[in-house]
Amino acid sequence: MPRKTFDRKAVALQWRRTKIIATLGPASDTPEMVAKLIDAGVDLFRINMSHGDQATHRKTVRHVRRAAKAAGRHVAILMDLCGPKIRVGNFESGSIQLKNGSTVVVTTRPVTGKPGLIPSQYKSLHKDVKPGERILLDDGNLALRVVAVKGKDVTCKVVEGGVLSNHKGMNLPNSKLSTSALTAKDRADVQLAVEADVDFVALSFVRHARDVQQLARYLKRLDSNIPIVSKIEHPDAVANIDDIMNESYGIMIARGDLGIELPAEKVPLIQRELIQKSRQLGIPVIVATQMLESMMTHSRPTRAEVTDVAGAAMLSADAAMLSGESAAGKYPLQAVQTMDRILREVERHQWQEGHFAIESIADRAQKFHFVRESMAHAAVQLTHDLEVEAIIVPTHTGTTARIMAAHRPLPPAVGVCSDIRVCRQMALHWGIVPVYEPKARGRNWRTICTHISKQCRLGESGHDVLLVSGFNDDPVKNEPVLKLMHL
């Protein structure tokens, strides 16, 4: 049957490849707003456990599930654990003035702060810091240098002064922290995550692979295998990134704390390197923090913010995340709509150029990895050479979809699964359109591909799709299969 002519560009670009994550909060966690955000294109919602209570979070999960079902979309939920709170305490007048060159004492004693005295909520501060190390306050706007440690008092010199108010954040970029990344509060929140059946758990302040392993063991004790996303926001995490990635389902580049702990000018290059590494390992990578920060108070972003969001797409990140913009800002819906427009504009240009990513990600140093990635690359190249309309990816666990997504194929890729949880997890992966297909429909993949092509508006009879299956992280079970299906 001759190939029918149709608008290939419209078919290929009906879905956005780069996924959008929106944080829910007071500005957006109502059923009505959640539904609007899903309609605007949100693929995954983040629940920030640093704010709110468990009762509120339970309601939020219910709102998302109901709205996603009504919209006929597979929308995932990521529960972002609080991690160890490193903050200052309260001051007698609500704040103090720090003058450059002056001396101040930071203490872990249970006291109220006053001029010259800063209480720390981090009770191990005096054990972890050493003379010469820096203490950064209020998102790095204020800086102290440790002079001496005596008992629970840390004497410091003010390097960069200003006003310090109650509960402002504290960063220790040069210190080796003794506290665990998984706190008692986190454990209670993980129990809620399991109870609520969320799709991902994000671990804050990861520094070593053992932090991720600790959370994985705790999840196993709760008889859960919720995937773990490691937040990269500390210099130690960057130094240990390979080991951390090997233990993680995915990573989040949390540029806020990372830009405080490290010189800000290093963050863009770290972001680029981590996105490349993530693709090489076939794990999703999220770019987060201050992407459209000005939309907290303004209905339009700055040109620099537009460029930042576009840059994440051009670097081929799996997802871009909104934090305060959607959680507490004045314009949560407009922020999502703006991000959607920016990402679609970049992807339209990339599609016209004939590629979404240029770099090869096969690693010859590891034979199994090289063979597997070469096969995936061959599948993507085949879709280009044969001008197929779509890739259909049947998967039980999401592994084949994850590996194909890492190669950033030009045609749409539909992940087909009979497990609703896996469908939601695939919502995080670049370019994957999750479709639920009940087992009862059998294994006639020609019939299924025809059905999915019509359902997803991928083309009609006379068009070609590529069926890709059989990829696995276990070399013994890795048996890739490519089938060209003429519909």
Protein backbone atom coordinates (compact mmCIF):
# COMPACT_ATOMS: atom_id res chain seq x y z
CA MET A 1 0.00 0.00 0.00
CA PRO A 2 1.51 3.39 -0.94
CA ARG A 3 2.51 5.75 1.86
CA LYS A 4 -0.09 8.42 2.50
CA THR A 5 1.04 12.01 2.67
CA PHE A 6 0.44 13.79 5.94
CA ASP A 7 2.04 16.47 8.10
CA ARG A 8 5.01 14.60 9.60
CA LYS A 9 6.12 17.68 11.53
CA ALA A 10 2.74 18.09 13.22
CA VAL A 11 2.68 14.40 14.13
CA ALA A 12 6.26 14.39 15.41
CA LEU A 13 5.90 17.55 17.50
CA GLN A 14 2.46 17.00 19.02
CA TRP A 15 4.24 15.94 22.22
CA ARG A 16 6.93 17.89 24.01
CA ARG A 17 10.10 15.83 24.54
CA THR A 18 11.54 17.65 27.57
CA LYS A 19 9.30 16.92 30.55
CA ILE A 20 7.97 19.61 32.90
CA ILE A 21 7.99 19.16 36.68
CA ALA A 22 5.94 21.56 38.80
CA THR A 23 6.20 21.86 42.57
CA LEU A 24 2.85 22.02 44.34
CA GLY A 25 2.24 24.37 47.24
CA PRO A 26 -0.19 26.97 48.57
CA ALA A 27 -0.51 28.61 45.15
CA SER A 28 -1.32 25.44 43.27
CA ASP A 29 -2.41 22.44 45.35
CA THR A 30 -6.16 22.84 44.87
CA PRO A 31 -7.99 20.31 42.66
CA GLU A 32 -8.89 23.05 40.19
CA MET A 33 -5.33 24.34 39.77
CA VAL A 34 -3.83 20.84 39.58
CA ALA A 35 -6.20 20.06 36.72
CA LYS A 36 -5.22 23.28 34.93
CA LEU A 37 -1.51 22.54 35.35
CA ILE A 38 -1.96 19.05 33.89
CA ASP A 39 -3.86 20.54 30.97
CA ALA A 40 -0.98 23.04 30.51
CA GLY A 41 1.47 20.17 30.16
CA VAL A 42 2.87 19.17 33.56
CA ASP A 43 4.28 15.62 33.39
CA LEU A 44 5.30 15.22 37.03
CA PHE A 45 4.42 16.98 40.27
CA ARG A 46 6.92 17.53 43.07
CA ILE A 47 5.82 17.57 46.70
CA ASN A 48 8.36 19.43 48.82
CA MET A 49 8.42 17.78 52.24
CA SER A 50 10.24 20.78 53.74
CA HIS A 51 6.85 22.50 53.87
CA GLY A 52 3.37 21.46 54.96
CA ASP A 53 2.21 18.45 56.96
CA GLN A 54 1.45 14.86 56.06
CA ALA A 55 -2.32 15.39 56.02
CA THR A 56 -1.90 18.12 53.41
CA HIS A 57 0.44 15.96 51.35
CA ARG A 58 -2.05 13.08 51.34
CA LYS A 59 -4.71 15.43 49.95
CA THR A 60 -2.29 16.68 47.32
CA VAL A 61 -1.57 13.14 46.11
CA ARG A 62 -5.31 12.48 45.82
CA HIS A 63 -5.80 15.71 43.85
CA VAL A 64 -3.10 14.71 41.37
CA ARG A 65 -4.35 11.16 40.89
CA ARG A 66 -7.94 12.28 40.31
CA ALA A 67 -7.00 15.08 37.93
CA ALA A 68 -4.63 12.85 35.94
CA LYS A 69 -7.30 10.16 35.59
CA ALA A 70 -9.85 12.73 34.44
CA ALA A 71 -7.37 14.05 31.87
CA GLY A 72 -6.42 10.57 30.66
CA ARG A 73 -2.75 11.27 31.39
CA HIS A 74 -0.02 9.35 33.22
CA VAL A 75 1.29 12.02 35.60
CA ALA A 76 3.94 11.07 38.13
CA ILE A 77 4.51 12.31 41.69
CA LEU A 78 7.96 12.93 43.17
CA MET A 79 8.22 13.28 46.95
CA ASP A 80 11.24 15.45 47.76
CA LEU A 81 12.62 14.63 51.22
CA CYS A 82 13.68 17.46 53.48
CA GLY A 83 17.11 16.14 54.48
CA PRO A 84 19.11 17.52 57.41
CA LYS A 85 18.00 21.04 58.31
CA ILE A 86 21.02 23.31 58.49
CA ARG A 87 19.58 26.63 59.56
CA VAL A 88 20.08 29.36 62.12
CA GLY A 89 17.66 29.67 65.02
CA ASN A 90 15.70 32.65 66.35
CA PHE A 91 16.96 36.11 67.29
CA GLU A 92 15.67 38.34 70.08
CA SER A 93 14.68 41.05 67.60
CA GLY A 94 14.05 38.75 64.65
CA SER A 95 17.38 39.57 63.02
CA ILE A 96 20.91 40.86 63.61
CA GLN A 97 23.36 42.94 61.60
CA LEU A 98 26.67 41.33 60.64
CA LYS A 99 29.45 43.83 59.92
CA ASN A 100 32.39 43.00 57.72
CA GLY A 101 35.52 42.18 59.75
CA SER A 102 33.62 41.76 63.02
CA THR A 103 33.69 38.64 65.21
CA VAL A 104 30.62 36.53 65.82
CA VAL A 105 29.98 33.27 67.68
CA VAL A 106 27.87 30.53 66.13
CA THR A 107 26.69 28.14 68.84
CA THR A 108 24.81 24.87 69.08
CA ARG A 109 23.75 25.70 72.63
CA PRO A 110 19.95 26.19 73.07
CA VAL A 111 19.97 29.98 73.16
CA THR A 112 18.20 32.89 71.49
CA GLY A 113 20.38 34.86 69.11
CA LYS A 114 21.47 38.45 69.60
CA PRO A 115 24.16 40.75 68.17
CA GLY A 116 27.41 38.76 68.12
CA LEU A 117 25.66 35.41 68.78
CA ILE A 118 24.07 33.12 66.15
CA PRO A 119 22.21 29.98 67.28
CA SER A 120 22.52 26.96 64.97
CA GLN A 121 19.76 24.36 64.55
CA TYR A 122 22.40 21.96 63.26
CA LYS A 123 23.58 20.41 66.51
CA SER A 124 26.74 18.85 65.07
CA LEU A 125 28.10 22.13 63.73
CA HIS A 126 30.85 22.44 66.34
CA LYS A 127 31.97 18.87 65.60
CA ASP A 128 32.08 19.24 61.81
CA VAL A 129 33.69 22.62 61.15
CA LYS A 130 37.39 23.47 61.46
CA PRO A 131 39.34 26.73 61.53
CA GLY A 132 39.72 28.22 58.08
CA GLU A 133 36.49 26.74 56.71
CA ARG A 134 33.57 28.87 55.52
CA ILE A 135 30.03 29.11 56.86
CA LEU A 136 27.61 30.60 54.34
CA LEU A 137 24.27 32.06 55.44
CA ASP A 138 21.06 33.17 53.73
CA ASP A 139 21.63 31.44 50.35
CA GLY A 140 25.27 32.50 50.35
CA ASN A 141 24.56 36.21 50.69
CA LEU A 142 26.47 36.28 53.99
CA ALA A 143 29.79 34.56 54.67
CA LEU A 144 31.78 33.72 57.80
CA ARG A 145 35.26 32.25 58.22
CA VAL A 146 35.83 29.89 61.17
CA VAL A 147 38.55 31.16 63.51
CA ALA A 148 38.31 28.76 66.45
CA VAL A 149 36.12 26.03 67.94
CA LYS A 150 35.71 25.72 71.70
CA GLY A 151 33.07 23.40 73.12
CA LYS A 152 29.80 24.15 71.36
CA ASP A 153 30.89 27.63 70.31
CA VAL A 154 32.37 28.38 66.89
CA THR A 155 34.10 31.74 66.71
CA CYS A 156 34.02 33.28 63.22
CA LYS A 157 35.08 36.39 61.34
CA VAL A 158 32.47 38.07 59.14
CA VAL A 159 33.73 38.07 55.55
CA GLU A 160 30.54 39.27 53.86
CA GLY A 161 28.09 41.01 56.14
CA GLY A 162 24.46 42.04 56.04
CA VAL A 163 21.20 41.35 57.84
CA LEU A 164 20.64 37.80 59.13
CA SER A 165 17.09 36.93 60.16
CA ASN A 166 15.36 33.96 61.81
CA HIS A 167 15.67 30.48 60.28
CA LYS A 168 17.84 31.46 57.33
CA GLY A 169 19.74 28.64 55.68
CA MET A 170 23.31 27.67 56.49
CA ASN A 171 25.75 26.03 54.08
CA LEU A 172 29.06 24.40 54.97
CA PRO A 173 30.86 24.02 51.61
CA ASN A 174 34.28 23.04 53.05
CA SER A 175 33.15 20.77 55.88
CA LYS A 176 32.61 17.02 56.02
CA LEU A 177 29.18 16.63 57.59
CA SER A 178 28.71 13.84 60.10
CA THR A 179 24.92 13.81 59.85
CA SER A 180 23.09 11.26 57.74
CA ALA A 181 21.34 12.41 54.57
CA LEU A 182 18.29 10.46 55.81
CA THR A 183 16.85 12.04 58.95
CA ALA A 184 14.15 10.80 61.33
CA LYS A 185 11.65 13.12 59.63
CA ASP A 186 12.69 11.72 56.26
CA ARG A 187 11.99 8.19 57.46
CA ALA A 188 8.47 9.18 58.48
CA ASP A 189 7.98 10.88 55.12
CA VAL A 190 9.26 7.80 53.27
CA GLN A 191 6.60 5.78 55.06
CA LEU A 192 4.04 8.26 53.74
CA ALA A 193 5.53 7.94 50.24
CA VAL A 194 5.06 4.18 50.35
CA GLU A 195 1.55 4.48 51.78
CA ALA A 196 0.54 7.05 49.14
CA ASP A 197 2.18 5.03 46.34
CA VAL A 198 4.15 7.97 44.94
CA ASP A 199 6.32 7.34 41.90
CA PHE A 200 9.71 8.74 42.94
CA VAL A 201 11.50 9.78 46.13
CA ALA A 202 14.16 12.50 45.96
CA LEU A 203 16.98 12.35 48.50
CA SER A 204 18.40 15.71 49.59
CA PHE A 205 22.02 16.56 50.36
CA VAL A 206 23.43 13.35 48.90
CA ARG A 207 27.20 13.25 49.35
CA HIS A 208 28.13 9.60 48.86
CA ALA A 209 26.68 6.47 47.26
CA ARG A 210 26.13 5.07 50.75
CA ASP A 211 23.51 7.80 51.34
CA VAL A 212 21.45 6.42 48.46
CA GLN A 213 22.06 2.86 49.61
CA GLN A 214 20.77 3.75 53.07
CA LEU A 215 17.49 5.03 51.62
CA ALA A 216 17.23 1.98 49.33
CA ARG A 217 17.64 -0.36 52.32
CA TYR A 218 14.95 1.52 54.24
CA LEU A 219 12.55 1.31 51.29
CA LYS A 220 13.25 -2.42 51.06
CA ARG A 221 12.37 -2.80 54.75
CA LEU A 222 9.03 -1.19 53.88
CA ASP A 223 8.64 -3.70 51.03
CA SER A 224 8.89 -0.92 48.44
CA ASN A 225 11.01 -0.34 45.35
CA ILE A 226 10.11 3.30 44.72
CA PRO A 227 12.85 4.72 42.45
CA ILE A 228 15.31 7.13 44.08
CA VAL A 229 16.30 10.45 42.53
CA SER A 230 19.52 11.82 44.05
CA LYS A 231 19.74 15.58 44.42
CA ILE A 232 23.16 16.92 43.45
CA GLU A 233 23.64 20.01 45.59
CA HIS A 234 26.96 19.52 47.41
CA PRO A 235 30.59 19.46 46.21
CA ASP A 236 31.02 15.95 47.61
CA ALA A 237 28.18 14.75 45.38
CA VAL A 238 29.93 16.14 42.32
CA ALA A 239 33.19 14.49 43.38
CA ASN A 240 31.45 11.13 43.90
CA ILE A 241 29.00 11.46 41.02
CA ASP A 242 29.80 8.17 39.25
CA ASP A 243 29.19 6.06 42.35
CA ILE A 244 26.04 8.03 43.20
CA MET A 245 24.62 7.61 39.70
CA ASN A 246 25.21 3.87 39.82
CA GLU A 247 22.95 3.66 42.89
CA SER A 248 20.26 6.08 41.66
CA TYR A 249 17.32 5.84 39.30
CA GLY A 250 17.97 9.43 38.28
CA ILE A 251 19.51 12.69 39.46
CA MET A 252 18.34 16.23 40.05
CA ILE A 253 20.80 19.07 39.51
CA ALA A 254 19.72 21.34 42.37
CA ARG A 255 21.50 24.46 41.19
CA GLY A 256 20.45 26.64 44.12
CA ASP A 257 22.49 24.98 46.85
CA LEU A 258 25.08 23.83 44.32
CA GLY A 259 25.69 27.44 43.32
CA ILE A 260 26.16 28.37 46.97
CA GLU A 261 28.47 25.51 47.88
CA LEU A 262 30.56 25.97 44.72
CA PRO A 263 31.54 29.10 42.74
CA ALA A 264 28.49 30.00 40.64
CA GLU A 265 30.52 30.10 37.43
CA LYS A 266 31.24 26.37 37.76
CA VAL A 267 27.58 25.35 37.82
CA PRO A 268 26.82 25.64 34.06
CA LEU A 269 29.73 23.36 33.18
CA ILE A 270 28.79 20.89 35.93
CA GLN A 271 25.23 20.91 34.59
CA ARG A 272 26.46 20.09 31.10
CA GLU A 273 28.73 17.31 32.34
CA LEU A 274 26.04 15.71 34.51
CA ILE A 275 23.50 15.72 31.69
CA GLN A 276 26.01 13.99 29.44
CA LYS A 277 26.89 11.42 32.13
CA SER A 278 23.23 10.71 32.78
CA ARG A 279 22.57 10.01 29.13
CA GLN A 280 25.58 7.70 28.99
CA LEU A 281 24.16 5.68 31.90
CA GLY A 282 20.62 5.84 30.59
CA ILE A 283 19.21 7.54 33.69
CA PRO A 284 16.97 10.62 33.72
CA VAL A 285 18.36 14.01 34.74
CA ILE A 286 16.33 16.93 36.07
CA VAL A 287 17.51 20.56 35.92
CA ALA A 288 16.08 22.50 38.85
CA THR A 289 16.03 25.80 40.74
CA GLN A 290 15.32 29.39 39.69
CA MET A 291 14.48 28.55 36.10
CA LEU A 292 11.72 31.18 35.92
CA GLU A 293 12.32 32.81 39.31
CA SER A 294 11.01 36.25 38.33
CA MET A 295 7.61 34.70 37.65
CA MET A 296 7.15 34.41 41.39
CA THR A 297 5.97 38.03 41.16
CA HIS A 298 5.76 38.85 37.44
CA SER A 299 3.61 37.36 34.69
CA ARG A 300 6.51 37.30 32.22
CA PRO A 301 10.03 35.89 32.62
CA THR A 302 13.28 37.70 32.01
CA ARG A 303 15.20 37.08 28.78
CA ALA A 304 17.95 35.42 30.81
CA GLU A 305 15.46 32.96 32.30
CA VAL A 306 14.09 32.10 28.87
CA THR A 307 17.64 31.41 27.74
CA ASP A 308 18.23 29.24 30.81
CA VAL A 309 15.19 27.05 30.14
CA ALA A 310 16.08 26.82 26.45
CA GLY A 311 19.64 25.90 27.40
CA ALA A 312 18.44 22.95 29.48
CA ALA A 313 16.53 21.65 26.46
CA MET A 314 19.47 22.20 24.11
CA LEU A 315 21.72 20.29 26.51
CA SER A 316 19.09 17.52 26.34
CA ALA A 317 17.99 17.33 29.97
CA ASP A 318 15.12 14.90 30.59
CA ALA A 319 13.13 17.42 32.60
CA ALA A 320 13.05 21.05 33.72
CA MET A 321 11.58 21.85 37.12
CA LEU A 322 9.61 24.73 38.57
CA SER A 323 9.98 25.25 42.32
CA GLY A 324 8.63 28.36 44.04
CA GLU A 325 7.26 29.61 40.72
CA SER A 326 4.47 27.03 40.79
CA ALA A 327 4.34 26.36 44.55
CA ALA A 328 4.06 29.85 45.99
CA GLY A 329 4.28 32.33 43.13
CA LYS A 330 1.53 34.58 41.81
CA TYR A 331 1.47 32.95 38.38
CA PRO A 332 1.79 29.14 38.66
CA LEU A 333 -0.24 28.40 35.53
CA GLN A 334 1.50 31.05 33.45
CA ALA A 335 4.88 29.70 34.57
CA VAL A 336 4.04 26.22 33.26
CA GLN A 337 2.61 27.63 30.03
CA THR A 338 5.72 29.76 29.54
CA MET A 339 8.06 26.84 30.10
CA ASP A 340 6.02 24.72 27.69
CA ARG A 341 6.27 27.38 24.94
CA ILE A 342 10.04 27.78 25.40
CA LEU A 343 10.72 24.05 25.30
CA ARG A 344 8.49 23.49 22.29
CA GLU A 345 10.19 26.29 20.37
CA VAL A 346 13.62 24.76 20.98
CA GLU A 347 12.41 21.28 20.05
CA ARG A 348 10.77 22.55 16.87
CA HIS A 349 14.13 23.93 15.80
CA GLN A 350 15.96 20.74 16.80
CA TRP A 351 13.52 18.56 14.87
CA GLN A 352 13.97 20.70 11.76
CA GLU A 353 17.75 20.37 12.17
CA GLY A 354 17.32 16.60 12.20
CA HIS A 355 18.55 15.78 15.71
CA PHE A 356 17.75 16.41 19.37
CA ALA A 357 21.28 15.55 20.54
CA ILE A 358 24.59 15.29 18.73
CA GLU A 359 26.94 13.55 21.14
CA SER A 360 27.38 9.78 21.01
CA ILE A 361 26.88 8.11 24.38
CA ALA A 362 28.32 4.65 23.74
CA ASP A 363 31.30 3.89 26.02
CA ARG A 364 33.84 1.53 24.47
CA ALA A 365 35.53 1.06 27.85
CA GLN A 366 32.63 -1.17 28.97
CA LYS A 367 31.87 -3.88 26.42
CA PHE A 368 28.33 -4.67 27.57
CA HIS A 369 27.43 -1.00 27.81
CA PHE A 370 28.93 -0.31 24.39
CA VAL A 371 27.07 -3.20 22.73
CA ARG A 372 23.74 -2.25 24.32
CA GLU A 373 24.05 1.45 23.54
CA SER A 374 25.24 0.72 20.01
CA MET A 375 22.12 -1.36 19.42
CA ALA A 376 19.95 1.46 20.76
CA HIS A 377 21.81 3.95 18.59
CA ALA A 378 21.26 1.67 15.57
CA ALA A 379 17.53 1.62 16.30
CA VAL A 380 17.43 5.41 16.38
CA GLN A 381 19.46 5.64 13.17
CA LEU A 382 17.09 3.17 11.52
CA THR A 383 14.10 5.37 12.31
CA HIS A 384 15.92 8.25 10.61
CA ASP A 385 17.00 6.30 7.52
CA LEU A 386 13.59 4.70 6.98
CA GLU A 387 11.61 7.78 7.99
CA VAL A 388 9.38 5.80 10.34
CA GLU A 389 6.62 7.74 12.02
CA ALA A 390 7.16 6.45 15.55
CA ILE A 391 8.93 4.02 17.84
CA ILE A 392 6.70 1.63 19.77
CA VAL A 393 8.41 0.35 22.94
CA PRO A 394 6.69 -2.54 24.74
CA THR A 395 8.18 -2.80 28.22
CA HIS A 396 7.52 -4.55 31.53
CA THR A 397 9.81 -2.46 33.74
CA GLY A 398 10.43 0.66 31.67
CA THR A 399 14.08 -0.30 30.99
CA THR A 400 13.82 -0.39 27.19
CA ALA A 401 11.99 2.95 27.15
CA ARG A 402 14.63 4.45 29.45
CA ILE A 403 17.49 3.29 27.23
CA MET A 404 15.83 4.48 24.03
CA ALA A 405 15.04 7.85 25.61
CA ALA A 406 18.72 8.38 26.39
CA HIS A 407 19.47 8.33 22.65
CA ARG A 408 16.98 11.14 21.97
CA PRO A 409 15.24 9.66 18.89
CA LEU A 410 13.76 11.99 16.28
CA PRO A 411 10.30 10.37 15.92
CA PRO A 412 7.91 10.10 18.87
CA ALA A 413 8.53 7.13 21.19
CA VAL A 414 5.54 5.43 22.81
CA GLY A 415 6.23 3.36 25.92
CA VAL A 416 3.62 0.59 26.15
CA CYS A 417 3.13 -1.17 29.48
CA SER A 418 0.50 -3.13 31.38
CA ASP A 419 1.76 -1.79 34.75
CA ILE A 420 0.20 1.58 35.60
CA ARG A 421 3.08 2.43 37.97
CA VAL A 422 5.64 1.94 35.21
CA CYS A 423 3.53 4.12 32.92
CA ARG A 424 3.74 6.94 35.47
CA GLN A 425 7.49 6.45 35.90
CA MET A 426 7.99 6.69 32.15
CA ALA A 427 6.47 10.18 32.35
CA LEU A 428 9.85 11.41 33.62
CA HIS A 429 11.86 10.15 30.65
CA TRP A 430 12.69 12.40 27.73
CA GLY A 431 10.35 11.97 24.79
CA ILE A 432 8.52 8.90 26.09
CA VAL A 433 4.73 8.94 25.72
CA PRO A 434 3.37 6.42 28.26
CA VAL A 435 0.47 4.25 27.12
CA TYR A 436 -1.29 1.67 29.25
CA GLU A 437 -2.06 -1.56 27.41
CA PRO A 438 -3.82 -4.32 29.38
CA LYS A 439 -2.34 -7.80 29.16
CA ALA A 440 -5.75 -9.09 28.13
CA ARG A 441 -5.29 -7.69 24.63
CA GLY A 442 -2.74 -10.41 23.88
CA ARG A 443 0.60 -10.34 22.12
CA ASN A 444 -0.38 -9.51 18.54
CA TRP A 445 1.91 -6.56 18.20
CA ARG A 446 0.82 -5.65 14.69
CA THR A 447 -2.72 -5.19 15.98
CA ILE A 448 -1.47 -3.35 19.07
CA CYS A 449 0.79 -1.05 17.03
CA THR A 450 -2.09 -0.21 14.71
CA HIS A 451 -4.32 0.51 17.70
CA ILE A 452 -1.70 2.69 19.43
CA SER A 453 -0.88 4.56 16.21
CA LYS A 454 -4.53 5.53 15.84
CA GLN A 455 -4.89 6.32 19.55
CA CYS A 456 -1.79 8.54 19.56
CA ARG A 457 -2.39 10.03 16.10
CA LEU A 458 0.89 8.65 14.75
CA GLY A 459 -0.35 7.83 11.28
CA GLU A 460 -2.70 5.51 9.48
CA SER A 461 -2.38 2.44 7.28
CA GLY A 462 0.53 2.65 4.90
CA HIS A 463 2.90 4.10 7.48
CA ASP A 464 5.83 2.45 9.24
CA VAL A 465 6.66 2.23 12.92
CA LEU A 466 9.64 0.55 14.59
CA LEU A 467 8.95 -1.90 17.40
CA VAL A 468 11.85 -1.97 19.90
CA SER A 469 12.00 -4.39 22.84
CA GLY A 470 14.29 -6.62 24.90
CA PHE A 471 16.81 -4.17 26.38
CA ASN A 472 17.95 -4.99 29.91
CA ASP A 473 20.48 -3.79 32.47
CA ASP A 474 21.52 -7.41 33.01
CA PRO A 475 23.92 -8.52 30.21
CA VAL A 476 22.52 -12.06 30.36
CA LYS A 477 18.95 -10.85 29.79
CA ASN A 478 19.79 -8.12 27.28
CA GLU A 479 18.27 -9.37 23.99
CA PRO A 480 17.32 -6.36 21.84
CA VAL A 481 14.71 -6.93 19.15
CA LEU A 482 13.92 -4.46 16.33
CA LYS A 483 10.89 -5.03 14.11
CA LEU A 484 9.74 -2.76 11.31
CA MET A 485 5.93 -2.77 11.30
CA HIS A 486 4.13 -1.64 8.15
CA LEU A 487 0.66 -0.57 9.24
